Amino acid sequence: MTGCKILIIDDDEEFCDELTEILTKEGFSVKCVFDGLTGLRYLTRHKYHIVILDLKLPGIDGYEILQKIDRVGRQDKFIVLSGRPMKSAISDGGARLSKEEEEQRLKKADVVMNKPFAIDALLEKIRLYLPAADGAAK
């Protein structure tokens, strides 16, 4: 696991600090950013094995990051975190998203996890993607 680079994009700084501490103890190299625009900038300038992405972010949200990032040729894996149930009509800036619209927006995510989640479940997903991600980020 040494050398595996993880980017966390989440506006909850306390959550990021706690997750960073846990992931660092597991041997991962972790960078946290707290808004969507900074997250997108890091994604376009750096390579990561795993990206942990919250959907509700200041600047641009996680949906927009997924739409903007060019996944062609990228090997990083996106783990999307949401504080609301998935696969149901949800609000997006006052508009309601249908199940189909939500699925389309999340199409580029490799996995979606709902908050709260067990840290062991997140670590399992990260480890699941390590063989595929091995060597992706330098």
N, C-alpha and C. Protein backbone atom coordinates (compact mmCIF):
# COMPACT_ATOMS: atom_id res chain seq x y z
N MET A 1 0.80 -1.20 0.00
CA MET A 1 0.00 0.00 0.00
C MET A 1 0.84 1.26 0.00
N THR A 2 2.08 1.14 0.41
CA THR A 2 2.94 2.29 0.45
C THR A 2 3.00 2.94 -0.92
N GLY A 3 2.81 4.26 -0.92
CA GLY A 3 2.86 4.99 -2.17
C GLY A 3 1.51 5.17 -2.82
N CYS A 4 0.46 4.51 -2.32
CA CYS A 4 -0.87 4.69 -2.88
C CYS A 4 -1.35 6.09 -2.51
N LYS A 5 -1.69 6.87 -3.54
CA LYS A 5 -2.10 8.26 -3.32
C LYS A 5 -3.62 8.39 -3.36
N ILE A 6 -4.14 9.02 -2.31
CA ILE A 6 -5.58 9.22 -2.19
C ILE A 6 -5.87 10.71 -2.06
N LEU A 7 -6.83 11.18 -2.83
CA LEU A 7 -7.32 12.55 -2.73
C LEU A 7 -8.71 12.49 -2.12
N ILE A 8 -8.92 13.26 -1.05
CA ILE A 8 -10.24 13.39 -0.44
C ILE A 8 -10.76 14.78 -0.76
N ILE A 9 -11.95 14.85 -1.35
CA ILE A 9 -12.60 16.12 -1.64
C ILE A 9 -13.88 16.15 -0.82
N ASP A 10 -13.86 16.89 0.29
CA ASP A 10 -15.00 16.94 1.20
C ASP A 10 -14.90 18.24 2.00
N ASP A 11 -16.01 18.94 2.16
CA ASP A 11 -15.99 20.22 2.85
C ASP A 11 -16.02 20.10 4.37
N ASP A 12 -16.17 18.91 4.90
CA ASP A 12 -16.18 18.69 6.34
C ASP A 12 -14.74 18.46 6.79
N GLU A 13 -14.12 19.53 7.30
CA GLU A 13 -12.69 19.46 7.65
C GLU A 13 -12.41 18.47 8.77
N GLU A 14 -13.31 18.36 9.74
CA GLU A 14 -13.11 17.41 10.83
C GLU A 14 -13.15 15.98 10.30
N PHE A 15 -14.10 15.69 9.43
CA PHE A 15 -14.19 14.38 8.79
C PHE A 15 -12.90 14.08 8.02
N CYS A 16 -12.43 15.06 7.25
CA CYS A 16 -11.20 14.88 6.46
C CYS A 16 -10.00 14.60 7.35
N ASP A 17 -9.89 15.34 8.46
CA ASP A 17 -8.78 15.12 9.38
C ASP A 17 -8.81 13.71 9.95
N GLU A 18 -10.00 13.26 10.37
CA GLU A 18 -10.12 11.92 10.94
C GLU A 18 -9.82 10.85 9.90
N LEU A 19 -10.37 11.02 8.70
CA LEU A 19 -10.14 10.04 7.64
C LEU A 19 -8.68 10.02 7.21
N THR A 20 -8.07 11.19 7.13
CA THR A 20 -6.65 11.28 6.79
C THR A 20 -5.81 10.52 7.81
N GLU A 21 -6.10 10.71 9.08
CA GLU A 21 -5.34 10.03 10.13
C GLU A 21 -5.47 8.50 9.99
N ILE A 22 -6.68 8.02 9.75
CA ILE A 22 -6.91 6.59 9.61
C ILE A 22 -6.18 6.05 8.38
N LEU A 23 -6.35 6.73 7.25
CA LEU A 23 -5.74 6.24 6.00
C LEU A 23 -4.22 6.32 6.04
N THR A 24 -3.68 7.34 6.68
CA THR A 24 -2.23 7.47 6.82
C THR A 24 -1.67 6.32 7.65
N LYS A 25 -2.38 5.98 8.74
CA LYS A 25 -1.95 4.85 9.57
C LYS A 25 -1.99 3.53 8.79
N GLU A 26 -2.85 3.46 7.78
CA GLU A 26 -2.95 2.28 6.92
C GLU A 26 -1.88 2.26 5.84
N GLY A 27 -1.08 3.34 5.77
CA GLY A 27 0.04 3.38 4.83
C GLY A 27 -0.21 4.15 3.54
N PHE A 28 -1.32 4.87 3.47
CA PHE A 28 -1.64 5.64 2.28
C PHE A 28 -1.11 7.07 2.37
N SER A 29 -0.82 7.65 1.23
CA SER A 29 -0.46 9.06 1.14
C SER A 29 -1.75 9.81 0.81
N VAL A 30 -2.14 10.77 1.68
CA VAL A 30 -3.45 11.40 1.58
C VAL A 30 -3.34 12.91 1.45
N LYS A 31 -4.13 13.46 0.54
CA LYS A 31 -4.28 14.91 0.38
C LYS A 31 -5.77 15.23 0.50
N CYS A 32 -6.10 16.24 1.29
CA CYS A 32 -7.49 16.68 1.46
C CYS A 32 -7.66 18.08 0.90
N VAL A 33 -8.77 18.29 0.22
CA VAL A 33 -9.18 19.63 -0.19
C VAL A 33 -10.65 19.77 0.18
N PHE A 34 -11.09 21.03 0.38
CA PHE A 34 -12.37 21.26 1.02
C PHE A 34 -13.43 21.92 0.13
N ASP A 35 -13.16 22.05 -1.15
CA ASP A 35 -14.18 22.58 -2.06
C ASP A 35 -13.99 21.97 -3.44
N GLY A 36 -15.05 22.05 -4.23
CA GLY A 36 -15.05 21.40 -5.53
C GLY A 36 -14.06 21.98 -6.52
N LEU A 37 -13.90 23.29 -6.55
CA LEU A 37 -12.98 23.90 -7.51
C LEU A 37 -11.54 23.50 -7.23
N THR A 38 -11.16 23.50 -5.96
CA THR A 38 -9.80 23.07 -5.60
C THR A 38 -9.62 21.59 -5.92
N GLY A 39 -10.65 20.80 -5.64
CA GLY A 39 -10.58 19.37 -5.96
C GLY A 39 -10.37 19.13 -7.44
N LEU A 40 -11.13 19.84 -8.26
CA LEU A 40 -10.98 19.70 -9.72
C LEU A 40 -9.59 20.12 -10.17
N ARG A 41 -9.07 21.18 -9.59
CA ARG A 41 -7.73 21.64 -9.93
C ARG A 41 -6.68 20.57 -9.58
N TYR A 42 -6.80 19.95 -8.40
CA TYR A 42 -5.87 18.88 -8.02
C TYR A 42 -5.99 17.69 -8.96
N LEU A 43 -7.21 17.35 -9.36
CA LEU A 43 -7.41 16.22 -10.26
C LEU A 43 -6.80 16.45 -11.64
N THR A 44 -6.79 17.70 -12.08
CA THR A 44 -6.24 17.98 -13.40
C THR A 44 -4.72 18.13 -13.38
N ARG A 45 -4.15 18.39 -12.21
CA ARG A 45 -2.70 18.61 -12.11
C ARG A 45 -1.91 17.45 -11.53
N HIS A 46 -2.59 16.54 -10.86
CA HIS A 46 -1.92 15.44 -10.16
C HIS A 46 -2.63 14.13 -10.47
N LYS A 47 -1.93 13.03 -10.22
CA LYS A 47 -2.52 11.71 -10.40
C LYS A 47 -2.69 11.06 -9.03
N TYR A 48 -3.82 10.39 -8.88
CA TYR A 48 -4.14 9.69 -7.64
C TYR A 48 -4.61 8.28 -7.99
N HIS A 49 -4.44 7.38 -7.04
CA HIS A 49 -4.97 6.03 -7.21
C HIS A 49 -6.47 6.02 -6.91
N ILE A 50 -6.83 6.69 -5.81
CA ILE A 50 -8.21 6.70 -5.32
C ILE A 50 -8.62 8.15 -5.05
N VAL A 51 -9.85 8.49 -5.44
CA VAL A 51 -10.42 9.80 -5.12
C VAL A 51 -11.69 9.54 -4.31
N ILE A 52 -11.72 10.08 -3.10
CA ILE A 52 -12.91 9.98 -2.25
C ILE A 52 -13.62 11.32 -2.37
N LEU A 53 -14.81 11.30 -2.92
CA LEU A 53 -15.51 12.51 -3.35
C LEU A 53 -16.87 12.65 -2.68
N ASP A 54 -17.07 13.75 -1.98
CA ASP A 54 -18.39 14.07 -1.43
C ASP A 54 -19.21 14.72 -2.53
N LEU A 55 -20.52 14.57 -2.48
CA LEU A 55 -21.38 15.17 -3.50
C LEU A 55 -21.70 16.63 -3.22
N LYS A 56 -21.94 16.96 -1.96
CA LYS A 56 -22.31 18.33 -1.60
C LYS A 56 -21.04 19.10 -1.23
N LEU A 57 -20.64 20.00 -2.13
CA LEU A 57 -19.41 20.77 -1.95
C LEU A 57 -19.64 22.23 -2.31
N PRO A 58 -18.92 23.14 -1.67
CA PRO A 58 -18.96 24.52 -2.13
C PRO A 58 -18.20 24.67 -3.45
N GLY A 59 -18.54 25.67 -4.20
CA GLY A 59 -17.88 25.91 -5.50
C GLY A 59 -18.62 25.13 -6.57
N ILE A 60 -18.14 23.94 -6.85
CA ILE A 60 -18.86 23.02 -7.72
C ILE A 60 -19.07 21.73 -6.94
N ASP A 61 -20.17 21.05 -7.20
CA ASP A 61 -20.47 19.85 -6.42
C ASP A 61 -19.80 18.62 -7.03
N GLY A 62 -19.93 17.51 -6.31
CA GLY A 62 -19.31 16.27 -6.75
C GLY A 62 -19.83 15.77 -8.09
N TYR A 63 -21.12 16.02 -8.36
CA TYR A 63 -21.68 15.63 -9.65
C TYR A 63 -20.94 16.34 -10.79
N GLU A 64 -20.71 17.64 -10.60
CA GLU A 64 -20.04 18.42 -11.65
C GLU A 64 -18.59 17.98 -11.83
N ILE A 65 -17.93 17.65 -10.73
CA ILE A 65 -16.56 17.15 -10.83
C ILE A 65 -16.55 15.87 -11.68
N LEU A 66 -17.48 14.97 -11.41
CA LEU A 66 -17.56 13.73 -12.18
C LEU A 66 -17.82 14.01 -13.66
N GLN A 67 -18.62 15.03 -13.94
CA GLN A 67 -18.91 15.36 -15.34
C GLN A 67 -17.71 16.00 -16.03
N LYS A 68 -16.95 16.82 -15.30
CA LYS A 68 -15.86 17.58 -15.91
C LYS A 68 -14.58 16.77 -16.09
N ILE A 69 -14.33 15.82 -15.18
CA ILE A 69 -13.06 15.11 -15.23
C ILE A 69 -13.07 14.15 -16.42
N ASP A 70 -12.02 14.21 -17.17
CA ASP A 70 -11.89 13.34 -18.33
C ASP A 70 -11.32 12.01 -17.87
N ARG A 71 -12.14 10.98 -17.84
CA ARG A 71 -11.71 9.67 -17.34
C ARG A 71 -10.97 8.87 -18.39
N VAL A 72 -10.97 9.30 -19.64
CA VAL A 72 -10.27 8.56 -20.69
C VAL A 72 -8.78 8.56 -20.36
N GLY A 73 -8.23 7.39 -20.23
CA GLY A 73 -6.81 7.26 -19.95
C GLY A 73 -6.46 7.39 -18.47
N ARG A 74 -7.44 7.74 -17.65
CA ARG A 74 -7.19 7.86 -16.21
C ARG A 74 -7.42 6.51 -15.56
N GLN A 75 -6.60 6.22 -14.57
CA GLN A 75 -6.75 4.95 -13.87
C GLN A 75 -7.22 5.14 -12.44
N ASP A 76 -7.41 6.39 -12.01
CA ASP A 76 -7.87 6.61 -10.64
C ASP A 76 -9.30 6.12 -10.50
N LYS A 77 -9.64 5.71 -9.29
CA LYS A 77 -10.96 5.18 -8.97
C LYS A 77 -11.69 6.19 -8.08
N PHE A 78 -12.95 6.42 -8.37
CA PHE A 78 -13.75 7.38 -7.63
C PHE A 78 -14.70 6.67 -6.68
N ILE A 79 -14.54 6.96 -5.39
CA ILE A 79 -15.46 6.50 -4.36
C ILE A 79 -16.27 7.72 -3.94
N VAL A 80 -17.54 7.71 -4.26
CA VAL A 80 -18.41 8.85 -3.97
C VAL A 80 -19.09 8.62 -2.63
N LEU A 81 -19.06 9.66 -1.79
CA LEU A 81 -19.73 9.61 -0.49
C LEU A 81 -20.92 10.55 -0.52
N SER A 82 -22.02 10.09 0.03
CA SER A 82 -23.21 10.93 0.07
C SER A 82 -23.86 10.83 1.43
N GLY A 83 -24.35 11.95 1.90
CA GLY A 83 -25.06 11.99 3.17
C GLY A 83 -26.55 11.73 3.00
N ARG A 84 -26.97 11.41 1.80
CA ARG A 84 -28.39 11.16 1.56
C ARG A 84 -28.54 9.84 0.80
N PRO A 85 -29.72 9.24 0.91
CA PRO A 85 -29.92 7.96 0.21
C PRO A 85 -29.80 8.12 -1.30
N MET A 86 -29.21 7.14 -1.93
CA MET A 86 -29.09 7.13 -3.38
C MET A 86 -30.25 6.34 -3.98
N LYS A 87 -30.38 6.44 -5.28
CA LYS A 87 -31.39 5.72 -6.05
C LYS A 87 -32.80 6.19 -5.72
N SER A 88 -32.92 7.46 -5.38
CA SER A 88 -34.24 8.03 -5.14
C SER A 88 -34.22 9.47 -5.61
N ALA A 89 -35.38 10.06 -5.77
CA ALA A 89 -35.44 11.45 -6.20
C ALA A 89 -34.79 12.31 -5.12
N ILE A 90 -33.82 13.13 -5.52
CA ILE A 90 -33.13 14.00 -4.58
C ILE A 90 -33.13 15.41 -5.11
N SER A 91 -32.83 16.34 -4.24
CA SER A 91 -32.84 17.74 -4.63
C SER A 91 -31.48 18.16 -5.15
N ASP A 92 -31.47 18.98 -6.18
CA ASP A 92 -30.24 19.53 -6.74
C ASP A 92 -30.49 21.00 -7.01
N GLY A 93 -30.13 21.85 -6.06
CA GLY A 93 -30.34 23.28 -6.23
C GLY A 93 -31.81 23.63 -6.38
N GLY A 94 -32.66 22.91 -5.66
CA GLY A 94 -34.08 23.19 -5.72
C GLY A 94 -34.83 22.31 -6.70
N ALA A 95 -34.15 21.76 -7.69
CA ALA A 95 -34.79 20.87 -8.66
C ALA A 95 -34.70 19.44 -8.15
N ARG A 96 -35.66 18.63 -8.50
CA ARG A 96 -35.64 17.23 -8.09
C ARG A 96 -35.03 16.39 -9.20
N LEU A 97 -34.13 15.50 -8.82
CA LEU A 97 -33.53 14.58 -9.78
C LEU A 97 -34.29 13.27 -9.75
N SER A 98 -34.58 12.75 -10.90
CA SER A 98 -35.18 11.43 -10.97
C SER A 98 -34.09 10.38 -10.72
N LYS A 99 -34.52 9.17 -10.50
CA LYS A 99 -33.57 8.07 -10.32
C LYS A 99 -32.65 7.97 -11.53
N GLU A 100 -33.21 8.12 -12.73
CA GLU A 100 -32.42 8.02 -13.96
C GLU A 100 -31.41 9.16 -14.08
N GLU A 101 -31.82 10.38 -13.71
CA GLU A 101 -30.89 11.53 -13.77
C GLU A 101 -29.75 11.35 -12.78
N GLU A 102 -30.09 10.87 -11.60
CA GLU A 102 -29.07 10.63 -10.58
C GLU A 102 -28.09 9.56 -11.04
N GLU A 103 -28.60 8.46 -11.59
CA GLU A 103 -27.73 7.39 -12.07
C GLU A 103 -26.81 7.89 -13.18
N GLN A 104 -27.34 8.73 -14.06
CA GLN A 104 -26.53 9.28 -15.15
C GLN A 104 -25.41 10.15 -14.59
N ARG A 105 -25.72 10.97 -13.60
CA ARG A 105 -24.71 11.84 -13.00
C ARG A 105 -23.64 11.06 -12.27
N LEU A 106 -24.00 9.92 -11.72
CA LEU A 106 -23.05 9.11 -10.96
C LEU A 106 -22.37 8.04 -11.81
N LYS A 107 -22.59 8.07 -13.10
CA LYS A 107 -22.09 7.03 -14.01
C LYS A 107 -20.56 6.86 -13.94
N LYS A 108 -19.84 7.93 -13.74
CA LYS A 108 -18.38 7.86 -13.72
C LYS A 108 -17.81 7.44 -12.37
N ALA A 109 -18.67 7.32 -11.37
CA ALA A 109 -18.21 6.87 -10.06
C ALA A 109 -18.00 5.36 -10.10
N ASP A 110 -16.97 4.89 -9.43
CA ASP A 110 -16.72 3.46 -9.36
C ASP A 110 -17.57 2.81 -8.27
N VAL A 111 -17.83 3.55 -7.21
CA VAL A 111 -18.68 3.06 -6.12
C VAL A 111 -19.29 4.26 -5.41
N VAL A 112 -20.49 4.07 -4.88
CA VAL A 112 -21.16 5.10 -4.10
C VAL A 112 -21.43 4.52 -2.71
N MET A 113 -21.02 5.27 -1.68
CA MET A 113 -21.25 4.85 -0.30
C MET A 113 -22.02 5.94 0.41
N ASN A 114 -22.97 5.54 1.24
CA ASN A 114 -23.75 6.50 2.01
C ASN A 114 -23.09 6.76 3.36
N LYS A 115 -23.13 8.04 3.77
CA LYS A 115 -22.69 8.41 5.12
C LYS A 115 -23.87 8.21 6.06
N PRO A 116 -23.67 7.78 7.26
CA PRO A 116 -22.39 7.30 7.79
C PRO A 116 -22.06 5.91 7.25
N PHE A 117 -20.80 5.60 7.24
CA PHE A 117 -20.34 4.30 6.76
C PHE A 117 -19.32 3.75 7.74
N ALA A 118 -19.15 2.46 7.71
CA ALA A 118 -18.13 1.82 8.54
C ALA A 118 -16.78 2.01 7.85
N ILE A 119 -15.78 2.41 8.61
CA ILE A 119 -14.45 2.65 8.03
C ILE A 119 -13.92 1.36 7.40
N ASP A 120 -14.25 0.21 7.97
CA ASP A 120 -13.81 -1.06 7.39
C ASP A 120 -14.38 -1.26 5.99
N ALA A 121 -15.61 -0.79 5.77
CA ALA A 121 -16.22 -0.91 4.44
C ALA A 121 -15.49 -0.02 3.43
N LEU A 122 -15.11 1.18 3.86
CA LEU A 122 -14.35 2.07 2.97
C LEU A 122 -12.98 1.48 2.67
N LEU A 123 -12.30 0.98 3.69
CA LEU A 123 -10.98 0.37 3.48
C LEU A 123 -11.07 -0.84 2.55
N GLU A 124 -12.15 -1.59 2.66
CA GLU A 124 -12.35 -2.73 1.77
C GLU A 124 -12.47 -2.28 0.32
N LYS A 125 -13.22 -1.19 0.09
CA LYS A 125 -13.37 -0.66 -1.27
C LYS A 125 -12.03 -0.15 -1.79
N ILE A 126 -11.28 0.55 -0.95
CA ILE A 126 -9.97 1.06 -1.37
C ILE A 126 -9.06 -0.10 -1.74
N ARG A 127 -9.01 -1.12 -0.90
CA ARG A 127 -8.15 -2.26 -1.18
C ARG A 127 -8.60 -3.02 -2.42
N LEU A 128 -9.89 -3.05 -2.66
CA LEU A 128 -10.43 -3.69 -3.85
C LEU A 128 -9.86 -3.06 -5.12
N TYR A 129 -9.67 -1.75 -5.09
CA TYR A 129 -9.18 -1.04 -6.27
C TYR A 129 -7.67 -0.93 -6.35
N LEU A 130 -6.97 -1.32 -5.31
CA LEU A 130 -5.50 -1.21 -5.34
C LEU A 130 -4.85 -1.99 -6.47
N PRO A 131 -5.19 -3.25 -6.71
CA PRO A 131 -4.53 -3.96 -7.82
C PRO A 131 -4.75 -3.26 -9.16
N ALA A 132 -5.97 -2.80 -9.41
CA ALA A 132 -6.26 -2.10 -10.67
C ALA A 132 -5.59 -0.74 -10.70
N ALA A 133 -5.41 -0.15 -9.53
CA ALA A 133 -4.83 1.19 -9.46
C ALA A 133 -3.31 1.15 -9.35
N ASP A 134 -2.73 -0.02 -9.07
CA ASP A 134 -1.29 -0.13 -8.86
C ASP A 134 -0.52 0.46 -10.02
N GLY A 135 0.31 1.45 -9.69
CA GLY A 135 1.13 2.08 -10.72
C GLY A 135 0.46 3.22 -11.42
N ALA A 136 -0.78 3.53 -11.09
CA ALA A 136 -1.51 4.60 -11.79
C ALA A 136 -0.98 5.97 -11.46
N ALA A 137 -0.62 6.20 -10.22
CA ALA A 137 -0.17 7.54 -9.81
C ALA A 137 1.30 7.48 -9.43
N LYS A 138 2.03 8.39 -9.91
CA LYS A 138 3.47 8.48 -9.62
C LYS A 138 3.77 9.80 -8.96
